[in-house]
Amino acid sequence: MDQPPPELVTVLEVPDSFALRLATTALDDAGIAYVVSGDDPRYFRGFHATLGFGETPMSPMNKCHSQIQVAREDEADARELLEPLANPDPVPPPE
């Protein structure tokens, strides 16, 4: 008998491709399956160089708005893992 697809929940919204790469790498390392939706971080208008992120040319700081979703049963683990990206420590002002 086929199982229904898992219920997905958004655990993080990221503003750029660098944050997206950090988040997905952390989830990969933890063995947590995820889905990315939103802007396609692989296509950047006006950017033509490959910076070493696999086979896909991408700028590490290019703006893209993406959501990362995981299965409901992985939500707590994913949120704990991604907490530093969701709520980064503020940068202190220069002295």
C-alpha atoms as a PDB file:
ATOM      1  CA  MET A   1       0.000   0.000   0.000  1.00  0.00           C
ATOM      2  CA  ASP A   2       1.349   3.447  -0.924  1.00  0.00           C
ATOM      3  CA  GLN A   3       2.122   5.837   1.891  1.00  0.00           C
ATOM      4  CA  PRO A   4       0.887   9.429   1.622  1.00  0.00           C
ATOM      5  CA  PRO A   5       3.601  12.028   1.059  1.00  0.00           C
ATOM      6  CA  PRO A   6       4.975  13.567   4.262  1.00  0.00           C
ATOM      7  CA  GLU A   7       3.545  16.839   5.503  1.00  0.00           C
ATOM      8  CA  LEU A   8       6.130  19.546   4.830  1.00  0.00           C
ATOM      9  CA  VAL A   9       6.783  22.535   7.084  1.00  0.00           C
ATOM     10  CA  THR A  10       8.910  25.589   6.365  1.00  0.00           C
ATOM     11  CA  VAL A  11      11.811  25.723   8.818  1.00  0.00           C
ATOM     12  CA  LEU A  12      13.817  28.590   7.331  1.00  0.00           C
ATOM     13  CA  GLU A  13      13.543  31.385   4.790  1.00  0.00           C
ATOM     14  CA  VAL A  14      16.851  32.617   3.409  1.00  0.00           C
ATOM     15  CA  PRO A  15      17.631  35.908   1.640  1.00  0.00           C
ATOM     16  CA  ASP A  16      20.666  34.872  -0.416  1.00  0.00           C
ATOM     17  CA  SER A  17      22.417  31.946  -2.043  1.00  0.00           C
ATOM     18  CA  PHE A  18      25.182  31.879   0.583  1.00  0.00           C
ATOM     19  CA  ALA A  19      22.711  31.305   3.454  1.00  0.00           C
ATOM     20  CA  LEU A  20      20.894  28.745   1.329  1.00  0.00           C
ATOM     21  CA  ARG A  21      24.136  26.843   0.750  1.00  0.00           C
ATOM     22  CA  LEU A  22      24.993  26.896   4.475  1.00  0.00           C
ATOM     23  CA  ALA A  23      21.535  25.640   5.434  1.00  0.00           C
ATOM     24  CA  THR A  24      21.316  22.862   2.871  1.00  0.00           C
ATOM     25  CA  THR A  25      24.849  21.681   3.650  1.00  0.00           C
ATOM     26  CA  ALA A  26      23.991  21.483   7.369  1.00  0.00           C
ATOM     27  CA  LEU A  27      20.818  19.516   6.608  1.00  0.00           C
ATOM     28  CA  ASP A  28      22.702  17.195   4.237  1.00  0.00           C
ATOM     29  CA  ASP A  29      25.369  16.549   6.887  1.00  0.00           C
ATOM     30  CA  ALA A  30      22.648  15.733   9.442  1.00  0.00           C
ATOM     31  CA  GLY A  31      20.855  13.399   7.040  1.00  0.00           C
ATOM     32  CA  ILE A  32      17.661  15.484   7.051  1.00  0.00           C
ATOM     33  CA  ALA A  33      15.767  15.459   3.743  1.00  0.00           C
ATOM     34  CA  TYR A  34      14.510  18.865   2.579  1.00  0.00           C
ATOM     35  CA  VAL A  35      12.819  20.699  -0.270  1.00  0.00           C
ATOM     36  CA  VAL A  36      13.816  24.183  -1.441  1.00  0.00           C
ATOM     37  CA  SER A  37      11.207  26.428  -3.005  1.00  0.00           C
ATOM     38  CA  GLY A  38      11.148  30.059  -4.070  1.00  0.00           C
ATOM     39  CA  ASP A  39      13.683  31.800  -6.295  1.00  0.00           C
ATOM     40  CA  ASP A  40      15.901  29.497  -8.311  1.00  0.00           C
ATOM     41  CA  PRO A  41      19.365  30.029  -6.804  1.00  0.00           C
ATOM     42  CA  ARG A  42      21.024  28.444  -9.844  1.00  0.00           C
ATOM     43  CA  TYR A  43      20.153  31.273 -12.221  1.00  0.00           C
ATOM     44  CA  PHE A  44      21.581  34.704 -11.617  1.00  0.00           C
ATOM     45  CA  ARG A  45      21.080  37.355 -14.258  1.00  0.00           C
ATOM     46  CA  GLY A  46      24.342  39.018 -15.172  1.00  0.00           C
ATOM     47  CA  PHE A  47      26.581  36.564 -13.333  1.00  0.00           C
ATOM     48  CA  HIS A  48      28.708  34.478 -15.665  1.00  0.00           C
ATOM     49  CA  ALA A  49      31.513  32.959 -13.588  1.00  0.00           C
ATOM     50  CA  THR A  50      31.675  29.660 -11.798  1.00  0.00           C
ATOM     51  CA  LEU A  51      32.887  30.021  -8.229  1.00  0.00           C
ATOM     52  CA  GLY A  52      33.315  26.347  -7.442  1.00  0.00           C
ATOM     53  CA  PHE A  53      29.870  25.409  -6.108  1.00  0.00           C
ATOM     54  CA  GLY A  54      29.574  22.100  -7.927  1.00  0.00           C
ATOM     55  CA  GLU A  55      28.503  22.207 -11.545  1.00  0.00           C
ATOM     56  CA  THR A  56      26.216  25.211 -11.118  1.00  0.00           C
ATOM     57  CA  PRO A  57      27.544  28.736 -11.639  1.00  0.00           C
ATOM     58  CA  MET A  58      26.464  30.828  -8.674  1.00  0.00           C
ATOM     59  CA  SER A  59      27.450  33.870  -6.714  1.00  0.00           C
ATOM     60  CA  PRO A  60      27.877  33.140  -2.997  1.00  0.00           C
ATOM     61  CA  MET A  61      26.143  36.367  -1.954  1.00  0.00           C
ATOM     62  CA  ASN A  62      23.551  36.814  -4.682  1.00  0.00           C
ATOM     63  CA  LYS A  63      20.053  37.669  -3.539  1.00  0.00           C
ATOM     64  CA  CYS A  64      17.453  34.946  -3.790  1.00  0.00           C
ATOM     65  CA  HIS A  65      14.474  34.382  -1.539  1.00  0.00           C
ATOM     66  CA  SER A  66      14.033  30.679  -0.838  1.00  0.00           C
ATOM     67  CA  GLN A  67      12.179  28.573   1.705  1.00  0.00           C
ATOM     68  CA  ILE A  68      13.505  25.323   3.111  1.00  0.00           C
ATOM     69  CA  GLN A  69      10.925  22.716   4.055  1.00  0.00           C
ATOM     70  CA  VAL A  70      11.303  19.404   5.863  1.00  0.00           C
ATOM     71  CA  ALA A  71       8.952  16.626   6.898  1.00  0.00           C
ATOM     72  CA  ARG A  72       6.954  17.439  10.040  1.00  0.00           C
ATOM     73  CA  GLU A  73       8.749  14.675  11.995  1.00  0.00           C
ATOM     74  CA  ASP A  74      12.138  16.327  11.252  1.00  0.00           C
ATOM     75  CA  GLU A  75      10.984  19.855  12.100  1.00  0.00           C
ATOM     76  CA  ALA A  76      12.407  20.107  15.634  1.00  0.00           C
ATOM     77  CA  ASP A  77      15.823  18.739  14.640  1.00  0.00           C
ATOM     78  CA  ALA A  78      16.004  20.987  11.569  1.00  0.00           C
ATOM     79  CA  ARG A  79      14.989  24.111  13.507  1.00  0.00           C
ATOM     80  CA  GLU A  80      17.606  23.412  16.184  1.00  0.00           C
ATOM     81  CA  LEU A  81      20.275  22.849  13.540  1.00  0.00           C
ATOM     82  CA  LEU A  82      19.354  25.987  11.569  1.00  0.00           C
ATOM     83  CA  GLU A  83      18.839  28.279  14.593  1.00  0.00           C
ATOM     84  CA  PRO A  84      22.111  30.197  14.026  1.00  0.00           C
ATOM     85  CA  LEU A  85      20.966  31.060  10.488  1.00  0.00           C
ATOM     86  CA  ALA A  86      17.435  31.939  11.576  1.00  0.00           C
ATOM     87  CA  ASN A  87      18.612  34.212  14.411  1.00  0.00           C
ATOM     88  CA  PRO A  88      22.239  35.201  13.851  1.00  0.00           C
ATOM     89  CA  ASP A  89      24.135  37.068  16.538  1.00  0.00           C
ATOM     90  CA  PRO A  90      24.257  40.775  15.711  1.00  0.00           C
ATOM     91  CA  VAL A  91      27.574  42.154  14.561  1.00  0.00           C
ATOM     92  CA  PRO A  92      28.945  44.574  17.148  1.00  0.00           C
ATOM     93  CA  PRO A  93      29.604  48.109  15.917  1.00  0.00           C
ATOM     94  CA  PRO A  94      33.227  48.950  15.170  1.00  0.00           C
ATOM     95  CA  GLU A  95      35.135  50.558  18.014  1.00  0.00           C
END
